[in-house]
Amino acid sequence: MGHDRIKGNLDLLLLSVLSAGPAHGYNIIAALKARSEGEFDLAEGTVYPALHGLEAAGLVESVWQTVEGRRRRVYRLSDAGVRELADQRVQWRRFSSAIDGVLGSPA
């Protein structure tokens, strides 16, 4: 899938992954890849700046934890992030439905 398409929807994807529970960056990247059946194999350089932006916007919170003997930043949705995810899901479904309507079924 084109990087531009993912970039425009990365916040929604990250919020959705974090709705399953707190996770550190590597687990978030792995979940995106697994849940998309390999379509979203994103680099750390793409995901971490987006997570930092979500944190700056108050949608994600993070803490340092020791996981498997390594110190890692663990991210979780804030209350505002939960609300934003719900709103973005509604918007995405409306947009997706409109795209499907335009594309229709193959002739």
PDB file of N, CA and C in Angstrom:
ATOM      1  N   MET A   1       0.847  -1.178   0.000  1.00  0.00           N
ATOM      2  CA  MET A   1       0.000   0.000   0.000  1.00  0.00           C
ATOM      3  C   MET A   1       0.885   1.230   0.000  1.00  0.00           C
ATOM      4  N   GLY A   2       0.467   2.256  -0.684  1.00  0.00           N
ATOM      5  CA  GLY A   2       1.255   3.469  -0.800  1.00  0.00           C
ATOM      6  C   GLY A   2       1.496   4.145   0.538  1.00  0.00           C
ATOM      7  N   HIS A   3       2.716   4.626   0.727  1.00  0.00           N
ATOM      8  CA  HIS A   3       3.102   5.285   1.980  1.00  0.00           C
ATOM      9  C   HIS A   3       2.212   6.491   2.265  1.00  0.00           C
ATOM     10  N   ASP A   4       1.821   7.229   1.225  1.00  0.00           N
ATOM     11  CA  ASP A   4       0.973   8.408   1.426  1.00  0.00           C
ATOM     12  C   ASP A   4      -0.391   8.027   1.995  1.00  0.00           C
ATOM     13  N   ARG A   5      -0.939   6.905   1.558  1.00  0.00           N
ATOM     14  CA  ARG A   5      -2.232   6.456   2.085  1.00  0.00           C
ATOM     15  C   ARG A   5      -2.124   6.091   3.552  1.00  0.00           C
ATOM     16  N   ILE A   6      -1.037   5.445   3.912  1.00  0.00           N
ATOM     17  CA  ILE A   6      -0.841   5.066   5.310  1.00  0.00           C
ATOM     18  C   ILE A   6      -0.605   6.310   6.153  1.00  0.00           C
ATOM     19  N   LYS A   7       0.247   7.202   5.670  1.00  0.00           N
ATOM     20  CA  LYS A   7       0.603   8.408   6.418  1.00  0.00           C
ATOM     21  C   LYS A   7      -0.636   9.204   6.812  1.00  0.00           C
ATOM     22  N   GLY A   8      -1.577   9.327   5.921  1.00  0.00           N
ATOM     23  CA  GLY A   8      -2.799  10.072   6.202  1.00  0.00           C
ATOM     24  C   GLY A   8      -3.711   9.398   7.206  1.00  0.00           C
ATOM     25  N   ASN A   9      -3.460   8.138   7.480  1.00  0.00           N
ATOM     26  CA  ASN A   9      -4.306   7.387   8.403  1.00  0.00           C
ATOM     27  C   ASN A   9      -3.523   6.779   9.568  1.00  0.00           C
ATOM     28  N   LEU A  10      -2.265   7.167   9.701  1.00  0.00           N
ATOM     29  CA  LEU A  10      -1.413   6.552  10.703  1.00  0.00           C
ATOM     30  C   LEU A  10      -1.911   6.788  12.125  1.00  0.00           C
ATOM     31  N   ASP A  11      -2.380   7.989  12.418  1.00  0.00           N
ATOM     32  CA  ASP A  11      -2.884   8.247  13.769  1.00  0.00           C
ATOM     33  C   ASP A  11      -4.023   7.300  14.118  1.00  0.00           C
ATOM     34  N   LEU A  12      -4.954   7.134  13.194  1.00  0.00           N
ATOM     35  CA  LEU A  12      -6.073   6.224  13.412  1.00  0.00           C
ATOM     36  C   LEU A  12      -5.570   4.796  13.649  1.00  0.00           C
ATOM     37  N   LEU A  13      -4.612   4.365  12.850  1.00  0.00           N
ATOM     38  CA  LEU A  13      -4.078   3.010  13.002  1.00  0.00           C
ATOM     39  C   LEU A  13      -3.400   2.828  14.357  1.00  0.00           C
ATOM     40  N   LEU A  14      -2.608   3.800  14.768  1.00  0.00           N
ATOM     41  CA  LEU A  14      -1.912   3.711  16.053  1.00  0.00           C
ATOM     42  C   LEU A  14      -2.893   3.730  17.220  1.00  0.00           C
ATOM     43  N   LEU A  15      -3.866   4.622  17.166  1.00  0.00           N
ATOM     44  CA  LEU A  15      -4.871   4.667  18.225  1.00  0.00           C
ATOM     45  C   LEU A  15      -5.620   3.340  18.310  1.00  0.00           C
ATOM     46  N   SER A  16      -5.932   2.774  17.165  1.00  0.00           N
ATOM     47  CA  SER A  16      -6.655   1.502  17.141  1.00  0.00           C
ATOM     48  C   SER A  16      -5.829   0.384  17.766  1.00  0.00           C
ATOM     49  N   VAL A  17      -4.548   0.303  17.420  1.00  0.00           N
ATOM     50  CA  VAL A  17      -3.685  -0.718  18.020  1.00  0.00           C
ATOM     51  C   VAL A  17      -3.618  -0.532  19.533  1.00  0.00           C
ATOM     52  N   LEU A  18      -3.483   0.714  19.981  1.00  0.00           N
ATOM     53  CA  LEU A  18      -3.372   0.967  21.417  1.00  0.00           C
ATOM     54  C   LEU A  18      -4.687   0.751  22.161  1.00  0.00           C
ATOM     55  N   SER A  19      -5.792   0.684  21.433  1.00  0.00           N
ATOM     56  CA  SER A  19      -7.073   0.410  22.107  1.00  0.00           C
ATOM     57  C   SER A  19      -7.100  -0.998  22.696  1.00  0.00           C
ATOM     58  N   ALA A  20      -6.205  -1.871  22.231  1.00  0.00           N
ATOM     59  CA  ALA A  20      -6.103  -3.227  22.777  1.00  0.00           C
ATOM     60  C   ALA A  20      -5.348  -3.246  24.098  1.00  0.00           C
ATOM     61  N   GLY A  21      -4.662  -2.145  24.435  1.00  0.00           N
ATOM     62  CA  GLY A  21      -3.927  -2.060  25.683  1.00  0.00           C
ATOM     63  C   GLY A  21      -2.567  -1.438  25.489  1.00  0.00           C
ATOM     64  N   PRO A  22      -1.905  -1.095  26.587  1.00  0.00           N
ATOM     65  CA  PRO A  22      -0.586  -0.460  26.511  1.00  0.00           C
ATOM     66  C   PRO A  22       0.419  -1.336  25.768  1.00  0.00           C
ATOM     67  N   ALA A  23       1.349  -0.678  25.077  1.00  0.00           N
ATOM     68  CA  ALA A  23       2.369  -1.413  24.322  1.00  0.00           C
ATOM     69  C   ALA A  23       3.566  -0.514  24.077  1.00  0.00           C
ATOM     70  N   HIS A  24       4.714  -1.126  23.913  1.00  0.00           N
ATOM     71  CA  HIS A  24       5.893  -0.353  23.534  1.00  0.00           C
ATOM     72  C   HIS A  24       5.985  -0.347  22.013  1.00  0.00           C
ATOM     73  N   GLY A  25       6.842   0.521  21.491  1.00  0.00           N
ATOM     74  CA  GLY A  25       6.902   0.770  20.051  1.00  0.00           C
ATOM     75  C   GLY A  25       7.044  -0.468  19.194  1.00  0.00           C
ATOM     76  N   TYR A  26       7.959  -1.365  19.569  1.00  0.00           N
ATOM     77  CA  TYR A  26       8.160  -2.573  18.761  1.00  0.00           C
ATOM     78  C   TYR A  26       6.873  -3.395  18.690  1.00  0.00           C
ATOM     79  N   ASN A  27       6.175  -3.530  19.811  1.00  0.00           N
ATOM     80  CA  ASN A  27       4.919  -4.295  19.799  1.00  0.00           C
ATOM     81  C   ASN A  27       3.841  -3.607  18.961  1.00  0.00           C
ATOM     82  N   ILE A  28       3.840  -2.292  18.969  1.00  0.00           N
ATOM     83  CA  ILE A  28       2.879  -1.549  18.146  1.00  0.00           C
ATOM     84  C   ILE A  28       3.163  -1.807  16.667  1.00  0.00           C
ATOM     85  N   ILE A  29       4.422  -1.739  16.288  1.00  0.00           N
ATOM     86  CA  ILE A  29       4.820  -1.991  14.898  1.00  0.00           C
ATOM     87  C   ILE A  29       4.453  -3.414  14.498  1.00  0.00           C
ATOM     88  N   ALA A  30       4.727  -4.373  15.377  1.00  0.00           N
ATOM     89  CA  ALA A  30       4.413  -5.775  15.090  1.00  0.00           C
ATOM     90  C   ALA A  30       2.906  -5.991  14.973  1.00  0.00           C
ATOM     91  N   ALA A  31       2.137  -5.332  15.826  1.00  0.00           N
ATOM     92  CA  ALA A  31       0.674  -5.469  15.777  1.00  0.00           C
ATOM     93  C   ALA A  31       0.116  -4.890  14.486  1.00  0.00           C
ATOM     94  N   LEU A  32       0.639  -3.743  14.061  1.00  0.00           N
ATOM     95  CA  LEU A  32       0.197  -3.153  12.786  1.00  0.00           C
ATOM     96  C   LEU A  32       0.448  -4.123  11.636  1.00  0.00           C
ATOM     97  N   LYS A  33       1.621  -4.712  11.635  1.00  0.00           N
ATOM     98  CA  LYS A  33       1.972  -5.644  10.565  1.00  0.00           C
ATOM     99  C   LYS A  33       1.079  -6.885  10.619  1.00  0.00           C
ATOM    100  N   ALA A  34       0.907  -7.445  11.798  1.00  0.00           N
ATOM    101  CA  ALA A  34       0.105  -8.668  11.943  1.00  0.00           C
ATOM    102  C   ALA A  34      -1.364  -8.414  11.610  1.00  0.00           C
ATOM    103  N   ARG A  35      -1.920  -7.325  12.141  1.00  0.00           N
ATOM    104  CA  ARG A  35      -3.346  -7.056  11.932  1.00  0.00           C
ATOM    105  C   ARG A  35      -3.661  -6.674  10.494  1.00  0.00           C
ATOM    106  N   SER A  36      -2.643  -6.229   9.754  1.00  0.00           N
ATOM    107  CA  SER A  36      -2.852  -5.862   8.343  1.00  0.00           C
ATOM    108  C   SER A  36      -2.371  -6.959   7.404  1.00  0.00           C
ATOM    109  N   GLU A  37      -2.052  -8.113   7.961  1.00  0.00           N
ATOM    110  CA  GLU A  37      -1.537  -9.240   7.175  1.00  0.00           C
ATOM    111  C   GLU A  37      -0.327  -8.828   6.342  1.00  0.00           C
ATOM    112  N   GLY A  38       0.559  -8.048   6.967  1.00  0.00           N
ATOM    113  CA  GLY A  38       1.813  -7.664   6.335  1.00  0.00           C
ATOM    114  C   GLY A  38       1.771  -6.403   5.490  1.00  0.00           C
ATOM    115  N   GLU A  39       0.607  -5.835   5.272  1.00  0.00           N
ATOM    116  CA  GLU A  39       0.504  -4.628   4.439  1.00  0.00           C
ATOM    117  C   GLU A  39       1.159  -3.413   5.087  1.00  0.00           C
ATOM    118  N   PHE A  40       1.059  -3.307   6.402  1.00  0.00           N
ATOM    119  CA  PHE A  40       1.599  -2.159   7.112  1.00  0.00           C
ATOM    120  C   PHE A  40       2.852  -2.577   7.863  1.00  0.00           C
ATOM    121  N   ASP A  41       3.956  -2.669   7.142  1.00  0.00           N
ATOM    122  CA  ASP A  41       5.250  -3.012   7.708  1.00  0.00           C
ATOM    123  C   ASP A  41       6.034  -1.707   7.819  1.00  0.00           C
ATOM    124  N   LEU A  42       5.788  -0.984   8.898  1.00  0.00           N
ATOM    125  CA  LEU A  42       6.295   0.378   9.018  1.00  0.00           C
ATOM    126  C   LEU A  42       7.604   0.444   9.785  1.00  0.00           C
ATOM    127  N   ALA A  43       8.434   1.368   9.395  1.00  0.00           N
ATOM    128  CA  ALA A  43       9.721   1.581  10.052  1.00  0.00           C
ATOM    129  C   ALA A  43       9.532   2.345  11.352  1.00  0.00           C
ATOM    130  N   GLU A  44      10.473   2.145  12.268  1.00  0.00           N
ATOM    131  CA  GLU A  44      10.448   2.879  13.530  1.00  0.00           C
ATOM    132  C   GLU A  44      10.443   4.386  13.286  1.00  0.00           C
ATOM    133  N   GLY A  45      11.158   4.813  12.258  1.00  0.00           N
ATOM    134  CA  GLY A  45      11.242   6.234  11.928  1.00  0.00           C
ATOM    135  C   GLY A  45       9.932   6.831  11.470  1.00  0.00           C
ATOM    136  N   THR A  46       8.968   5.999  11.160  1.00  0.00           N
ATOM    137  CA  THR A  46       7.626   6.452  10.811  1.00  0.00           C
ATOM    138  C   THR A  46       6.728   6.436  12.038  1.00  0.00           C
ATOM    139  N   VAL A  47       6.827   5.372  12.819  1.00  0.00           N
ATOM    140  CA  VAL A  47       5.906   5.162  13.936  1.00  0.00           C
ATOM    141  C   VAL A  47       6.228   6.042  15.141  1.00  0.00           C
ATOM    142  N   TYR A  48       7.502   6.113  15.545  1.00  0.00           N
ATOM    143  CA  TYR A  48       7.833   6.863  16.758  1.00  0.00           C
ATOM    144  C   TYR A  48       7.509   8.356  16.670  1.00  0.00           C
ATOM    145  N   PRO A  49       7.807   9.036  15.563  1.00  0.00           N
ATOM    146  CA  PRO A  49       7.401  10.449  15.493  1.00  0.00           C
ATOM    147  C   PRO A  49       5.877  10.619  15.576  1.00  0.00           C
ATOM    148  N   ALA A  50       5.142   9.685  14.993  1.00  0.00           N
ATOM    149  CA  ALA A  50       3.679   9.761  15.075  1.00  0.00           C
ATOM    150  C   ALA A  50       3.209   9.558  16.511  1.00  0.00           C
ATOM    151  N   LEU A  51       3.810   8.609  17.220  1.00  0.00           N
ATOM    152  CA  LEU A  51       3.464   8.399  18.635  1.00  0.00           C
ATOM    153  C   LEU A  51       3.783   9.648  19.459  1.00  0.00           C
ATOM    154  N   HIS A  52       4.926  10.281  19.190  1.00  0.00           N
ATOM    155  CA  HIS A  52       5.281  11.499  19.909  1.00  0.00           C
ATOM    156  C   HIS A  52       4.284  12.614  19.619  1.00  0.00           C
ATOM    157  N   GLY A  53       3.822  12.696  18.368  1.00  0.00           N
ATOM    158  CA  GLY A  53       2.817  13.689  18.013  1.00  0.00           C
ATOM    159  C   GLY A  53       1.497  13.439  18.714  1.00  0.00           C
ATOM    160  N   LEU A  54       1.096  12.168  18.795  1.00  0.00           N
ATOM    161  CA  LEU A  54      -0.135  11.827  19.504  1.00  0.00           C
ATOM    162  C   LEU A  54      -0.013  12.151  20.991  1.00  0.00           C
ATOM    163  N   GLU A  55       1.185  11.928  21.533  1.00  0.00           N
ATOM    164  CA  GLU A  55       1.411  12.254  22.937  1.00  0.00           C
ATOM    165  C   GLU A  55       1.348  13.767  23.151  1.00  0.00           C
ATOM    166  N   ALA A  56       1.959  14.531  22.268  1.00  0.00           N
ATOM    167  CA  ALA A  56       1.935  15.994  22.369  1.00  0.00           C
ATOM    168  C   ALA A  56       0.509  16.535  22.264  1.00  0.00           C
ATOM    169  N   ALA A  57      -0.323  15.833  21.502  1.00  0.00           N
ATOM    170  CA  ALA A  57      -1.727  16.235  21.345  1.00  0.00           C
ATOM    171  C   ALA A  57      -2.601  15.771  22.511  1.00  0.00           C
ATOM    172  N   GLY A  58      -2.021  15.014  23.432  1.00  0.00           N
ATOM    173  CA  GLY A  58      -2.780  14.547  24.590  1.00  0.00           C
ATOM    174  C   GLY A  58      -3.620  13.309  24.333  1.00  0.00           C
ATOM    175  N   LEU A  59      -3.401  12.647  23.197  1.00  0.00           N
ATOM    176  CA  LEU A  59      -4.203  11.471  22.854  1.00  0.00           C
ATOM    177  C   LEU A  59      -3.575  10.169  23.345  1.00  0.00           C
ATOM    178  N   VAL A  60      -2.278  10.229  23.621  1.00  0.00           N
ATOM    179  CA  VAL A  60      -1.521   9.065  24.080  1.00  0.00           C
ATOM    180  C   VAL A  60      -0.677   9.507  25.266  1.00  0.00           C
ATOM    181  N   GLU A  61      -0.516   8.623  26.219  1.00  0.00           N
ATOM    182  CA  GLU A  61       0.370   8.859  27.361  1.00  0.00           C
ATOM    183  C   GLU A  61       1.440   7.787  27.339  1.00  0.00           C
ATOM    184  N   SER A  62       2.607   8.091  27.913  1.00  0.00           N
ATOM    185  CA  SER A  62       3.667   7.085  27.948  1.00  0.00           C
ATOM    186  C   SER A  62       4.398   7.126  29.279  1.00  0.00           C
ATOM    187  N   VAL A  63       4.969   5.992  29.620  1.00  0.00           N
ATOM    188  CA  VAL A  63       5.800   5.858  30.811  1.00  0.00           C
ATOM    189  C   VAL A  63       6.963   4.945  30.466  1.00  0.00           C
ATOM    190  N   TRP A  64       8.059   5.112  31.175  1.00  0.00           N
ATOM    191  CA  TRP A  64       9.188   4.209  31.012  1.00  0.00           C
ATOM    192  C   TRP A  64       8.955   2.997  31.899  1.00  0.00           C
ATOM    193  N   GLN A  65       9.148   1.817  31.338  1.00  0.00           N
ATOM    194  CA  GLN A  65       9.036   0.567  32.082  1.00  0.00           C
ATOM    195  C   GLN A  65      10.175  -0.347  31.681  1.00  0.00           C
ATOM    196  N   THR A  66      10.497  -1.272  32.566  1.00  0.00           N
ATOM    197  CA  THR A  66      11.459  -2.303  32.222  1.00  0.00           C
ATOM    198  C   THR A  66      10.669  -3.513  31.749  1.00  0.00           C
ATOM    199  N   VAL A  67      10.869  -3.882  30.494  1.00  0.00           N
ATOM    200  CA  VAL A  67      10.169  -5.003  29.869  1.00  0.00           C
ATOM    201  C   VAL A  67      11.234  -5.979  29.387  1.00  0.00           C
ATOM    202  N   GLU A  68      11.141  -7.213  29.864  1.00  0.00           N
ATOM    203  CA  GLU A  68      12.107  -8.241  29.478  1.00  0.00           C
ATOM    204  C   GLU A  68      13.544  -7.765  29.696  1.00  0.00           C
ATOM    205  N   GLY A  69      13.758  -7.096  30.833  1.00  0.00           N
ATOM    206  CA  GLY A  69      15.096  -6.630  31.186  1.00  0.00           C
ATOM    207  C   GLY A  69      15.570  -5.393  30.446  1.00  0.00           C
ATOM    208  N   ARG A  70      14.724  -4.836  29.599  1.00  0.00           N
ATOM    209  CA  ARG A  70      15.097  -3.642  28.830  1.00  0.00           C
ATOM    210  C   ARG A  70      14.175  -2.484  29.189  1.00  0.00           C
ATOM    211  N   ARG A  71      14.749  -1.320  29.266  1.00  0.00           N
ATOM    212  CA  ARG A  71      13.958  -0.116  29.557  1.00  0.00           C
ATOM    213  C   ARG A  71      13.313   0.353  28.255  1.00  0.00           C
ATOM    214  N   ARG A  72      11.985   0.439  28.287  1.00  0.00           N
ATOM    215  CA  ARG A  72      11.231   0.828  27.082  1.00  0.00           C
ATOM    216  C   ARG A  72      10.124   1.800  27.455  1.00  0.00           C
ATOM    217  N   ARG A  73       9.771   2.603  26.484  1.00  0.00           N
ATOM    218  CA  ARG A  73       8.648   3.525  26.674  1.00  0.00           C
ATOM    219  C   ARG A  73       7.383   2.772  26.284  1.00  0.00           C
ATOM    220  N   VAL A  74       6.426   2.759  27.193  1.00  0.00           N
ATOM    221  CA  VAL A  74       5.164   2.064  26.959  1.00  0.00           C
ATOM    222  C   VAL A  74       4.074   3.117  26.773  1.00  0.00           C
ATOM    223  N   TYR A  75       3.328   2.970  25.699  1.00  0.00           N
ATOM    224  CA  TYR A  75       2.292   3.933  25.323  1.00  0.00           C
ATOM    225  C   TYR A  75       0.910   3.370  25.621  1.00  0.00           C
ATOM    226  N   ARG A  76      -0.001   4.266  25.963  1.00  0.00           N
ATOM    227  CA  ARG A  76      -1.398   3.882  26.162  1.00  0.00           C
ATOM    228  C   ARG A  76      -2.290   5.053  25.762  1.00  0.00           C
ATOM    229  N   LEU A  77      -3.533   4.723  25.440  1.00  0.00           N
ATOM    230  CA  LEU A  77      -4.493   5.770  25.098  1.00  0.00           C
ATOM    231  C   LEU A  77      -4.854   6.578  26.328  1.00  0.00           C
ATOM    232  N   SER A  78      -4.951   7.870  26.172  1.00  0.00           N
ATOM    233  CA  SER A  78      -5.504   8.721  27.221  1.00  0.00           C
ATOM    234  C   SER A  78      -7.026   8.711  27.056  1.00  0.00           C
ATOM    235  N   ASP A  79      -7.731   9.309  27.992  1.00  0.00           N
ATOM    236  CA  ASP A  79      -9.190   9.412  27.845  1.00  0.00           C
ATOM    237  C   ASP A  79      -9.546  10.181  26.572  1.00  0.00           C
ATOM    238  N   ALA A  80      -8.789  11.226  26.290  1.00  0.00           N
ATOM    239  CA  ALA A  80      -9.027  11.992  25.057  1.00  0.00           C
ATOM    240  C   ALA A  80      -8.745  11.129  23.830  1.00  0.00           C
ATOM    241  N   GLY A  81      -7.753  10.244  23.921  1.00  0.00           N
ATOM    242  CA  GLY A  81      -7.432   9.336  22.820  1.00  0.00           C
ATOM    243  C   GLY A  81      -8.552   8.348  22.549  1.00  0.00           C
ATOM    244  N   VAL A  82      -9.181   7.868  23.603  1.00  0.00           N
ATOM    245  CA  VAL A  82     -10.319   6.948  23.443  1.00  0.00           C
ATOM    246  C   VAL A  82     -11.444   7.655  22.694  1.00  0.00           C
ATOM    247  N   ARG A  83     -11.734   8.894  23.094  1.00  0.00           N
ATOM    248  CA  ARG A  83     -12.787   9.660  22.412  1.00  0.00           C
ATOM    249  C   ARG A  83     -12.414   9.955  20.961  1.00  0.00           C
ATOM    250  N   GLU A  84     -11.146  10.319  20.732  1.00  0.00           N
ATOM    251  CA  GLU A  84     -10.683  10.620  19.372  1.00  0.00           C
ATOM    252  C   GLU A  84     -10.768   9.386  18.483  1.00  0.00           C
ATOM    253  N   LEU A  85     -10.402   8.239  19.025  1.00  0.00           N
ATOM    254  CA  LEU A  85     -10.488   7.002  18.250  1.00  0.00           C
ATOM    255  C   LEU A  85     -11.928   6.719  17.845  1.00  0.00           C
ATOM    256  N   ALA A  86     -12.857   6.868  18.765  1.00  0.00           N
ATOM    257  CA  ALA A  86     -14.268   6.637  18.442  1.00  0.00           C
ATOM    258  C   ALA A  86     -14.720   7.577  17.327  1.00  0.00           C
ATOM    259  N   ASP A  87     -14.331   8.856  17.423  1.00  0.00           N
ATOM    260  CA  ASP A  87     -14.702   9.834  16.393  1.00  0.00           C
ATOM    261  C   ASP A  87     -14.062   9.491  15.053  1.00  0.00           C
ATOM    262  N   GLN A  88     -12.773   9.133  15.059  1.00  0.00           N
ATOM    263  CA  GLN A  88     -12.086   8.810  13.809  1.00  0.00           C
ATOM    264  C   GLN A  88     -12.634   7.534  13.170  1.00  0.00           C
ATOM    265  N   ARG A  89     -13.072   6.584  13.996  1.00  0.00           N
ATOM    266  CA  ARG A  89     -13.680   5.365  13.434  1.00  0.00           C
ATOM    267  C   ARG A  89     -14.956   5.701  12.674  1.00  0.00           C
ATOM    268  N   VAL A  90     -15.773   6.569  13.236  1.00  0.00           N
ATOM    269  CA  VAL A  90     -17.010   6.990  12.566  1.00  0.00           C
ATOM    270  C   VAL A  90     -16.668   7.688  11.250  1.00  0.00           C
ATOM    271  N   GLN A  91     -15.709   8.594  11.292  1.00  0.00           N
ATOM    272  CA  GLN A  91     -15.309   9.308  10.077  1.00  0.00           C
ATOM    273  C   GLN A  91     -14.756   8.350   9.029  1.00  0.00           C
ATOM    274  N   TRP A  92     -13.925   7.385   9.477  1.00  0.00           N
ATOM    275  CA  TRP A  92     -13.338   6.426   8.533  1.00  0.00           C
ATOM    276  C   TRP A  92     -14.423   5.582   7.884  1.00  0.00           C
ATOM    277  N   ARG A  93     -15.372   5.109   8.648  1.00  0.00           N
ATOM    278  CA  ARG A  93     -16.438   4.266   8.086  1.00  0.00           C
ATOM    279  C   ARG A  93     -17.271   5.038   7.079  1.00  0.00           C
ATOM    280  N   ARG A  94     -17.544   6.299   7.359  1.00  0.00           N
ATOM    281  CA  ARG A  94     -18.290   7.144   6.421  1.00  0.00           C
ATOM    282  C   ARG A  94     -17.484   7.325   5.132  1.00  0.00           C
ATOM    283  N   PHE A  95     -16.200   7.628   5.265  1.00  0.00           N
ATOM    284  CA  PHE A  95     -15.318   7.815   4.107  1.00  0.00           C
ATOM    285  C   PHE A  95     -15.192   6.523   3.305  1.00  0.00           C
ATOM    286  N   SER A  96     -14.952   5.418   4.002  1.00  0.00           N
ATOM    287  CA  SER A  96     -14.790   4.126   3.346  1.00  0.00           C
ATOM    288  C   SER A  96     -16.053   3.727   2.584  1.00  0.00           C
ATOM    289  N   SER A  97     -17.196   3.985   3.181  1.00  0.00           N
ATOM    290  CA  SER A  97     -18.462   3.678   2.522  1.00  0.00           C
ATOM    291  C   SER A  97     -18.636   4.513   1.251  1.00  0.00           C
ATOM    292  N   ALA A  98     -18.245   5.779   1.331  1.00  0.00           N
ATOM    293  CA  ALA A  98     -18.350   6.651   0.160  1.00  0.00           C
ATOM    294  C   ALA A  98     -17.407   6.178  -0.954  1.00  0.00           C
ATOM    295  N   ILE A  99     -16.192   5.785  -0.601  1.00  0.00           N
ATOM    296  CA  ILE A  99     -15.243   5.266  -1.592  1.00  0.00           C
ATOM    297  C   ILE A  99     -15.806   4.006  -2.239  1.00  0.00           C
ATOM    298  N   ASP A 100     -16.327   3.090  -1.402  1.00  0.00           N
ATOM    299  CA  ASP A 100     -16.915   1.859  -1.941  1.00  0.00           C
ATOM    300  C   ASP A 100     -18.061   2.175  -2.899  1.00  0.00           C
ATOM    301  N   GLY A 101     -18.854   3.195  -2.571  1.00  0.00           N
ATOM    302  CA  GLY A 101     -19.944   3.583  -3.448  1.00  0.00           C
ATOM    303  C   GLY A 101     -19.467   4.070  -4.796  1.00  0.00           C
ATOM    304  N   VAL A 102     -18.378   4.807  -4.795  1.00  0.00           N
ATOM    305  CA  VAL A 102     -17.825   5.330  -6.048  1.00  0.00           C
ATOM    306  C   VAL A 102     -17.180   4.207  -6.849  1.00  0.00           C
ATOM    307  N   LEU A 103     -16.414   3.354  -6.176  1.00  0.00           N
ATOM    308  CA  LEU A 103     -15.732   2.274  -6.881  1.00  0.00           C
ATOM    309  C   LEU A 103     -16.710   1.220  -7.414  1.00  0.00           C
ATOM    310  N   GLY A 104     -17.744   0.957  -6.625  1.00  0.00           N
ATOM    311  CA  GLY A 104     -18.720  -0.053  -7.036  1.00  0.00           C
ATOM    312  C   GLY A 104     -18.079  -1.414  -7.235  1.00  0.00           C
ATOM    313  N   SER A 105     -18.842  -2.297  -7.811  1.00  0.00           N
ATOM    314  CA  SER A 105     -18.295  -3.624  -8.102  1.00  0.00           C
ATOM    315  C   SER A 105     -17.773  -3.644  -9.535  1.00  0.00           C
ATOM    316  N   PRO A 106     -16.757  -4.490  -9.789  1.00  0.00           N
ATOM    317  CA  PRO A 106     -16.191  -4.535 -11.149  1.00  0.00           C
ATOM    318  C   PRO A 106     -17.247  -4.942 -12.180  1.00  0.00           C
ATOM    319  N   ALA A 107     -17.129  -4.369 -13.348  1.00  0.00           N
ATOM    320  CA  ALA A 107     -18.099  -4.642 -14.428  1.00  0.00           C
ATOM    321  C   ALA A 107     -17.859  -6.008 -15.039  1.00  0.00           C
TER     322      ALA A 107
END
